[in-house]
Amino acid sequence: MLALEALGWALADDRRAERLLSLTGLTPDRLRNGLSDRGVQAAVLEFLANHEPDLVLAADALNTTPEVLVAAARELSA
């Protein structure tokens, strides 16, 4: 659930959404069709974890902590 909320947050900003697609290699179709895919969810959270300003902003917007987002990324990647 957290990964989907993070994806929604990331896609709310056009520049951040473009950067997400560029850095993860995901396409809009892959995102739409892969929302339940652990790999897609992990890619979204890893995208945030690799850019501290977005990580902090996302954590605040999602009412969580950066550590929780990073931990979720690791868990989904395992």
PDB file of N, CA and C in Angstrom:
ATOM      1  N   MET A   1       0.825  -1.197   0.000  1.00  0.00           N
ATOM      2  CA  MET A   1       0.000   0.000   0.000  1.00  0.00           C
ATOM      3  C   MET A   1       0.866   1.257   0.000  1.00  0.00           C
ATOM      4  N   LEU A   2       1.917   1.243   0.784  1.00  0.00           N
ATOM      5  CA  LEU A   2       2.797   2.402   0.881  1.00  0.00           C
ATOM      6  C   LEU A   2       3.427   2.730  -0.471  1.00  0.00           C
ATOM      7  N   ALA A   3       3.821   1.715  -1.213  1.00  0.00           N
ATOM      8  CA  ALA A   3       4.435   1.935  -2.520  1.00  0.00           C
ATOM      9  C   ALA A   3       3.441   2.592  -3.480  1.00  0.00           C
ATOM     10  N   LEU A   4       2.197   2.194  -3.422  1.00  0.00           N
ATOM     11  CA  LEU A   4       1.189   2.793  -4.300  1.00  0.00           C
ATOM     12  C   LEU A   4       0.922   4.239  -3.923  1.00  0.00           C
ATOM     13  N   GLU A   5       0.914   4.521  -2.636  1.00  0.00           N
ATOM     14  CA  GLU A   5       0.754   5.905  -2.190  1.00  0.00           C
ATOM     15  C   GLU A   5       1.959   6.737  -2.631  1.00  0.00           C
ATOM     16  N   ALA A   6       3.144   6.158  -2.531  1.00  0.00           N
ATOM     17  CA  ALA A   6       4.363   6.854  -2.960  1.00  0.00           C
ATOM     18  C   ALA A   6       4.334   7.110  -4.458  1.00  0.00           C
ATOM     19  N   LEU A   7       3.841   6.150  -5.218  1.00  0.00           N
ATOM     20  CA  LEU A   7       3.723   6.330  -6.666  1.00  0.00           C
ATOM     21  C   LEU A   7       2.781   7.489  -6.977  1.00  0.00           C
ATOM     22  N   GLY A   8       1.649   7.518  -6.331  1.00  0.00           N
ATOM     23  CA  GLY A   8       0.704   8.625  -6.526  1.00  0.00           C
ATOM     24  C   GLY A   8       1.335   9.960  -6.211  1.00  0.00           C
ATOM     25  N   TRP A   9       2.103   9.998  -5.127  1.00  0.00           N
ATOM     26  CA  TRP A   9       2.781  11.235  -4.754  1.00  0.00           C
ATOM     27  C   TRP A   9       3.801  11.620  -5.825  1.00  0.00           C
ATOM     28  N   ALA A  10       4.585  10.662  -6.290  1.00  0.00           N
ATOM     29  CA  ALA A  10       5.623  10.943  -7.281  1.00  0.00           C
ATOM     30  C   ALA A  10       5.019  11.422  -8.598  1.00  0.00           C
ATOM     31  N   LEU A  11       3.904  10.863  -8.991  1.00  0.00           N
ATOM     32  CA  LEU A  11       3.293  11.213 -10.271  1.00  0.00           C
ATOM     33  C   LEU A  11       2.527  12.535 -10.227  1.00  0.00           C
ATOM     34  N   ALA A  12       2.314  13.072  -9.047  1.00  0.00           N
ATOM     35  CA  ALA A  12       1.574  14.328  -8.914  1.00  0.00           C
ATOM     36  C   ALA A  12       2.359  15.528  -9.447  1.00  0.00           C
ATOM     37  N   ASP A  13       3.653  15.375  -9.601  1.00  0.00           N
ATOM     38  CA  ASP A  13       4.507  16.449 -10.116  1.00  0.00           C
ATOM     39  C   ASP A  13       5.088  15.998 -11.457  1.00  0.00           C
ATOM     40  N   ASP A  14       4.831  16.754 -12.515  1.00  0.00           N
ATOM     41  CA  ASP A  14       5.254  16.340 -13.857  1.00  0.00           C
ATOM     42  C   ASP A  14       6.761  16.109 -13.971  1.00  0.00           C
ATOM     43  N   ARG A  15       7.554  17.011 -13.427  1.00  0.00           N
ATOM     44  CA  ARG A  15       9.015  16.845 -13.528  1.00  0.00           C
ATOM     45  C   ARG A  15       9.488  15.618 -12.764  1.00  0.00           C
ATOM     46  N   ARG A  16       8.933  15.407 -11.598  1.00  0.00           N
ATOM     47  CA  ARG A  16       9.309  14.237 -10.801  1.00  0.00           C
ATOM     48  C   ARG A  16       8.843  12.959 -11.502  1.00  0.00           C
ATOM     49  N   ALA A  17       7.655  12.991 -12.090  1.00  0.00           N
ATOM     50  CA  ALA A  17       7.140  11.823 -12.812  1.00  0.00           C
ATOM     51  C   ALA A  17       8.039  11.476 -13.993  1.00  0.00           C
ATOM     52  N   GLU A  18       8.476  12.483 -14.726  1.00  0.00           N
ATOM     53  CA  GLU A  18       9.382  12.246 -15.854  1.00  0.00           C
ATOM     54  C   GLU A  18      10.711  11.664 -15.378  1.00  0.00           C
ATOM     55  N   ARG A  19      11.202  12.176 -14.261  1.00  0.00           N
ATOM     56  CA  ARG A  19      12.456  11.666 -13.698  1.00  0.00           C
ATOM     57  C   ARG A  19      12.282  10.225 -13.224  1.00  0.00           C
ATOM     58  N   LEU A  20      11.142   9.918 -12.633  1.00  0.00           N
ATOM     59  CA  LEU A  20      10.847   8.548 -12.201  1.00  0.00           C
ATOM     60  C   LEU A  20      10.924   7.588 -13.385  1.00  0.00           C
ATOM     61  N   LEU A  21      10.251   7.938 -14.468  1.00  0.00           N
ATOM     62  CA  LEU A  21      10.254   7.071 -15.641  1.00  0.00           C
ATOM     63  C   LEU A  21      11.651   6.945 -16.232  1.00  0.00           C
ATOM     64  N   SER A  22      12.353   8.050 -16.296  1.00  0.00           N
ATOM     65  CA  SER A  22      13.694   8.048 -16.877  1.00  0.00           C
ATOM     66  C   SER A  22      14.671   7.211 -16.059  1.00  0.00           C
ATOM     67  N   LEU A  23      14.658   7.387 -14.762  1.00  0.00           N
ATOM     68  CA  LEU A  23      15.647   6.709 -13.913  1.00  0.00           C
ATOM     69  C   LEU A  23      15.310   5.249 -13.633  1.00  0.00           C
ATOM     70  N   THR A  24      14.034   4.910 -13.625  1.00  0.00           N
ATOM     71  CA  THR A  24      13.665   3.523 -13.337  1.00  0.00           C
ATOM     72  C   THR A  24      13.546   2.679 -14.598  1.00  0.00           C
ATOM     73  N   GLY A  25      13.395   3.339 -15.746  1.00  0.00           N
ATOM     74  CA  GLY A  25      13.186   2.604 -16.984  1.00  0.00           C
ATOM     75  C   GLY A  25      11.760   2.115 -17.151  1.00  0.00           C
ATOM     76  N   LEU A  26      10.893   2.471 -16.223  1.00  0.00           N
ATOM     77  CA  LEU A  26       9.487   2.078 -16.322  1.00  0.00           C
ATOM     78  C   LEU A  26       8.792   2.943 -17.369  1.00  0.00           C
ATOM     79  N   THR A  27       7.781   2.387 -17.978  1.00  0.00           N
ATOM     80  CA  THR A  27       6.956   3.127 -18.923  1.00  0.00           C
ATOM     81  C   THR A  27       5.593   3.362 -18.285  1.00  0.00           C
ATOM     82  N   PRO A  28       4.826   4.316 -18.807  1.00  0.00           N
ATOM     83  CA  PRO A  28       3.480   4.507 -18.262  1.00  0.00           C
ATOM     84  C   PRO A  28       2.647   3.219 -18.317  1.00  0.00           C
ATOM     85  N   ASP A  29       2.765   2.476 -19.406  1.00  0.00           N
ATOM     86  CA  ASP A  29       2.015   1.209 -19.503  1.00  0.00           C
ATOM     87  C   ASP A  29       2.468   0.209 -18.450  1.00  0.00           C
ATOM     88  N   ARG A  30       3.778   0.117 -18.246  1.00  0.00           N
ATOM     89  CA  ARG A  30       4.309  -0.819 -17.241  1.00  0.00           C
ATOM     90  C   ARG A  30       3.822  -0.433 -15.852  1.00  0.00           C
ATOM     91  N   LEU A  31       3.772   0.864 -15.574  1.00  0.00           N
ATOM     92  CA  LEU A  31       3.249   1.317 -14.278  1.00  0.00           C
ATOM     93  C   LEU A  31       1.790   0.921 -14.118  1.00  0.00           C
ATOM     94  N   ARG A  32       0.996   1.217 -15.126  1.00  0.00           N
ATOM     95  CA  ARG A  32      -0.450   0.895 -15.040  1.00  0.00           C
ATOM     96  C   ARG A  32      -0.685  -0.593 -14.873  1.00  0.00           C
ATOM     97  N   ASN A  33       0.042  -1.387 -15.645  1.00  0.00           N
ATOM     98  CA  ASN A  33      -0.181  -2.829 -15.633  1.00  0.00           C
ATOM     99  C   ASN A  33       0.561  -3.555 -14.517  1.00  0.00           C
ATOM    100  N   GLY A  34       1.469  -2.862 -13.862  1.00  0.00           N
ATOM    101  CA  GLY A  34       2.282  -3.516 -12.851  1.00  0.00           C
ATOM    102  C   GLY A  34       2.094  -3.005 -11.444  1.00  0.00           C
ATOM    103  N   LEU A  35       0.962  -2.396 -11.169  1.00  0.00           N
ATOM    104  CA  LEU A  35       0.756  -1.822  -9.839  1.00  0.00           C
ATOM    105  C   LEU A  35       0.842  -2.856  -8.722  1.00  0.00           C
ATOM    106  N   SER A  36       0.494  -4.099  -9.022  1.00  0.00           N
ATOM    107  CA  SER A  36       0.565  -5.134  -7.986  1.00  0.00           C
ATOM    108  C   SER A  36       1.894  -5.890  -8.020  1.00  0.00           C
ATOM    109  N   ASP A  37       2.768  -5.533  -8.936  1.00  0.00           N
ATOM    110  CA  ASP A  37       4.064  -6.198  -9.096  1.00  0.00           C
ATOM    111  C   ASP A  37       5.065  -5.650  -8.072  1.00  0.00           C
ATOM    112  N   ARG A  38       5.637  -6.555  -7.287  1.00  0.00           N
ATOM    113  CA  ARG A  38       6.605  -6.135  -6.260  1.00  0.00           C
ATOM    114  C   ARG A  38       7.801  -5.400  -6.865  1.00  0.00           C
ATOM    115  N   GLY A  39       8.221  -5.798  -8.067  1.00  0.00           N
ATOM    116  CA  GLY A  39       9.345  -5.154  -8.721  1.00  0.00           C
ATOM    117  C   GLY A  39       9.059  -3.701  -9.069  1.00  0.00           C
ATOM    118  N   VAL A  40       7.859  -3.443  -9.548  1.00  0.00           N
ATOM    119  CA  VAL A  40       7.451  -2.072  -9.867  1.00  0.00           C
ATOM    120  C   VAL A  40       7.359  -1.256  -8.582  1.00  0.00           C
ATOM    121  N   GLN A  41       6.748  -1.825  -7.568  1.00  0.00           N
ATOM    122  CA  GLN A  41       6.625  -1.115  -6.286  1.00  0.00           C
ATOM    123  C   GLN A  41       8.000  -0.817  -5.701  1.00  0.00           C
ATOM    124  N   ALA A  42       8.905  -1.789  -5.774  1.00  0.00           N
ATOM    125  CA  ALA A  42      10.258  -1.584  -5.264  1.00  0.00           C
ATOM    126  C   ALA A  42      10.966  -0.492  -6.047  1.00  0.00           C
ATOM    127  N   ALA A  43      10.793  -0.462  -7.358  1.00  0.00           N
ATOM    128  CA  ALA A  43      11.430   0.556  -8.186  1.00  0.00           C
ATOM    129  C   ALA A  43      10.979   1.956  -7.790  1.00  0.00           C
ATOM    130  N   VAL A  44       9.702   2.105  -7.488  1.00  0.00           N
ATOM    131  CA  VAL A  44       9.180   3.407  -7.072  1.00  0.00           C
ATOM    132  C   VAL A  44       9.810   3.839  -5.749  1.00  0.00           C
ATOM    133  N   LEU A  45       9.841   2.932  -4.790  1.00  0.00           N
ATOM    134  CA  LEU A  45      10.405   3.282  -3.484  1.00  0.00           C
ATOM    135  C   LEU A  45      11.913   3.486  -3.563  1.00  0.00           C
ATOM    136  N   GLU A  46      12.593   2.720  -4.387  1.00  0.00           N
ATOM    137  CA  GLU A  46      14.034   2.912  -4.561  1.00  0.00           C
ATOM    138  C   GLU A  46      14.323   4.248  -5.234  1.00  0.00           C
ATOM    139  N   PHE A  47      13.464   4.649  -6.155  1.00  0.00           N
ATOM    140  CA  PHE A  47      13.582   5.958  -6.787  1.00  0.00           C
ATOM    141  C   PHE A  47      13.585   7.045  -5.710  1.00  0.00           C
ATOM    142  N   LEU A  48      12.672   6.956  -4.774  1.00  0.00           N
ATOM    143  CA  LEU A  48      12.616   7.941  -3.686  1.00  0.00           C
ATOM    144  C   LEU A  48      13.820   7.820  -2.771  1.00  0.00           C
ATOM    145  N   ALA A  49      14.188   6.599  -2.443  1.00  0.00           N
ATOM    146  CA  ALA A  49      15.302   6.378  -1.514  1.00  0.00           C
ATOM    147  C   ALA A  49      16.619   6.914  -2.071  1.00  0.00           C
ATOM    148  N   ASN A  50      16.735   6.975  -3.378  1.00  0.00           N
ATOM    149  CA  ASN A  50      17.975   7.432  -4.006  1.00  0.00           C
ATOM    150  C   ASN A  50      18.052   8.938  -4.197  1.00  0.00           C
ATOM    151  N   HIS A  51      17.027   9.648  -3.782  1.00  0.00           N
ATOM    152  CA  HIS A  51      17.027  11.118  -3.898  1.00  0.00           C
ATOM    153  C   HIS A  51      16.442  11.695  -2.610  1.00  0.00           C
ATOM    154  N   GLU A  52      17.334  12.023  -1.690  1.00  0.00           N
ATOM    155  CA  GLU A  52      16.911  12.409  -0.340  1.00  0.00           C
ATOM    156  C   GLU A  52      15.866  13.526  -0.289  1.00  0.00           C
ATOM    157  N   PRO A  53      15.979  14.579  -1.112  1.00  0.00           N
ATOM    158  CA  PRO A  53      14.925  15.608  -1.028  1.00  0.00           C
ATOM    159  C   PRO A  53      13.529  15.046  -1.301  1.00  0.00           C
ATOM    160  N   ASP A  54      13.399  14.207  -2.321  1.00  0.00           N
ATOM    161  CA  ASP A  54      12.090  13.597  -2.596  1.00  0.00           C
ATOM    162  C   ASP A  54      11.694  12.615  -1.508  1.00  0.00           C
ATOM    163  N   LEU A  55      12.653  11.883  -0.988  1.00  0.00           N
ATOM    164  CA  LEU A  55      12.378  10.920   0.073  1.00  0.00           C
ATOM    165  C   LEU A  55      11.766  11.627   1.284  1.00  0.00           C
ATOM    166  N   VAL A  56      12.366  12.727   1.682  1.00  0.00           N
ATOM    167  CA  VAL A  56      11.883  13.476   2.845  1.00  0.00           C
ATOM    168  C   VAL A  56      10.500  14.074   2.568  1.00  0.00           C
ATOM    169  N   LEU A  57      10.336  14.664   1.385  1.00  0.00           N
ATOM    170  CA  LEU A  57       9.036  15.254   1.039  1.00  0.00           C
ATOM    171  C   LEU A  57       7.943  14.191   0.949  1.00  0.00           C
ATOM    172  N   ALA A  58       8.267  13.057   0.348  1.00  0.00           N
ATOM    173  CA  ALA A  58       7.281  11.977   0.234  1.00  0.00           C
ATOM    174  C   ALA A  58       6.903  11.448   1.610  1.00  0.00           C
ATOM    175  N   ALA A  59       7.886  11.236   2.457  1.00  0.00           N
ATOM    176  CA  ALA A  59       7.602  10.732   3.803  1.00  0.00           C
ATOM    177  C   ALA A  59       6.664  11.680   4.537  1.00  0.00           C
ATOM    178  N   ASP A  60       6.934  12.971   4.429  1.00  0.00           N
ATOM    179  CA  ASP A  60       6.085  13.955   5.090  1.00  0.00           C
ATOM    180  C   ASP A  60       4.667  13.919   4.520  1.00  0.00           C
ATOM    181  N   ALA A  61       4.556  13.878   3.200  1.00  0.00           N
ATOM    182  CA  ALA A  61       3.242  13.874   2.552  1.00  0.00           C
ATOM    183  C   ALA A  61       2.455  12.605   2.875  1.00  0.00           C
ATOM    184  N   LEU A  62       3.168  11.495   3.060  1.00  0.00           N
ATOM    185  CA  LEU A  62       2.509  10.216   3.328  1.00  0.00           C
ATOM    186  C   LEU A  62       2.383   9.929   4.822  1.00  0.00           C
ATOM    187  N   ASN A  63       2.776  10.904   5.628  1.00  0.00           N
ATOM    188  CA  ASN A  63       2.667  10.786   7.082  1.00  0.00           C
ATOM    189  C   ASN A  63       3.434   9.577   7.615  1.00  0.00           C
ATOM    190  N   THR A  64       4.671   9.449   7.137  1.00  0.00           N
ATOM    191  CA  THR A  64       5.549   8.379   7.583  1.00  0.00           C
ATOM    192  C   THR A  64       6.955   8.947   7.712  1.00  0.00           C
ATOM    193  N   THR A  65       7.934   8.087   7.818  1.00  0.00           N
ATOM    194  CA  THR A  65       9.316   8.549   7.928  1.00  0.00           C
ATOM    195  C   THR A  65      10.121   8.044   6.727  1.00  0.00           C
ATOM    196  N   PRO A  66      11.220   8.735   6.429  1.00  0.00           N
ATOM    197  CA  PRO A  66      12.087   8.254   5.360  1.00  0.00           C
ATOM    198  C   PRO A  66      12.574   6.827   5.620  1.00  0.00           C
ATOM    199  N   GLU A  67      12.840   6.515   6.870  1.00  0.00           N
ATOM    200  CA  GLU A  67      13.321   5.179   7.220  1.00  0.00           C
ATOM    201  C   GLU A  67      12.310   4.093   6.874  1.00  0.00           C
ATOM    202  N   VAL A  68      11.042   4.376   7.073  1.00  0.00           N
ATOM    203  CA  VAL A  68       9.994   3.410   6.743  1.00  0.00           C
ATOM    204  C   VAL A  68       9.943   3.193   5.232  1.00  0.00           C
ATOM    205  N   LEU A  69      10.068   4.264   4.451  1.00  0.00           N
ATOM    206  CA  LEU A  69      10.069   4.124   2.998  1.00  0.00           C
ATOM    207  C   LEU A  69      11.262   3.323   2.512  1.00  0.00           C
ATOM    208  N   VAL A  70      12.428   3.591   3.070  1.00  0.00           N
ATOM    209  CA  VAL A  70      13.636   2.842   2.679  1.00  0.00           C
ATOM    210  C   VAL A  70      13.505   1.375   3.065  1.00  0.00           C
ATOM    211  N   ALA A  71      12.989   1.111   4.252  1.00  0.00           N
ATOM    212  CA  ALA A  71      12.799  -0.265   4.703  1.00  0.00           C
ATOM    213  C   ALA A  71      11.807  -1.000   3.785  1.00  0.00           C
ATOM    214  N   ALA A  72      10.758  -0.325   3.376  1.00  0.00           N
ATOM    215  CA  ALA A  72       9.783  -0.945   2.475  1.00  0.00           C
ATOM    216  C   ALA A  72      10.419  -1.256   1.127  1.00  0.00           C
ATOM    217  N   ALA A  73      11.276  -0.360   0.641  1.00  0.00           N
ATOM    218  CA  ALA A  73      11.983  -0.608  -0.618  1.00  0.00           C
ATOM    219  C   ALA A  73      12.856  -1.850  -0.505  1.00  0.00           C
ATOM    220  N   ARG A  74      13.562  -1.969   0.601  1.00  0.00           N
ATOM    221  CA  ARG A  74      14.415  -3.147   0.807  1.00  0.00           C
ATOM    222  C   ARG A  74      13.594  -4.422   0.889  1.00  0.00           C
ATOM    223  N   GLU A  75      12.491  -4.369   1.589  1.00  0.00           N
ATOM    224  CA  GLU A  75      11.644  -5.555   1.748  1.00  0.00           C
ATOM    225  C   GLU A  75      11.073  -6.002   0.396  1.00  0.00           C
ATOM    226  N   LEU A  76      10.638  -5.034  -0.411  1.00  0.00           N
ATOM    227  CA  LEU A  76      10.078  -5.390  -1.709  1.00  0.00           C
ATOM    228  C   LEU A  76      11.146  -5.904  -2.668  1.00  0.00           C
ATOM    229  N   SER A  77      12.380  -5.473  -2.476  1.00  0.00           N
ATOM    230  CA  SER A  77      13.475  -5.895  -3.353  1.00  0.00           C
ATOM    231  C   SER A  77      14.004  -7.280  -3.001  1.00  0.00           C
ATOM    232  N   ALA A  78      13.709  -7.726  -1.790  1.00  0.00           N
ATOM    233  CA  ALA A  78      14.240  -9.012  -1.323  1.00  0.00           C
ATOM    234  C   ALA A  78      13.567 -10.202  -1.980  1.00  0.00           C
TER     235      ALA A  78
END
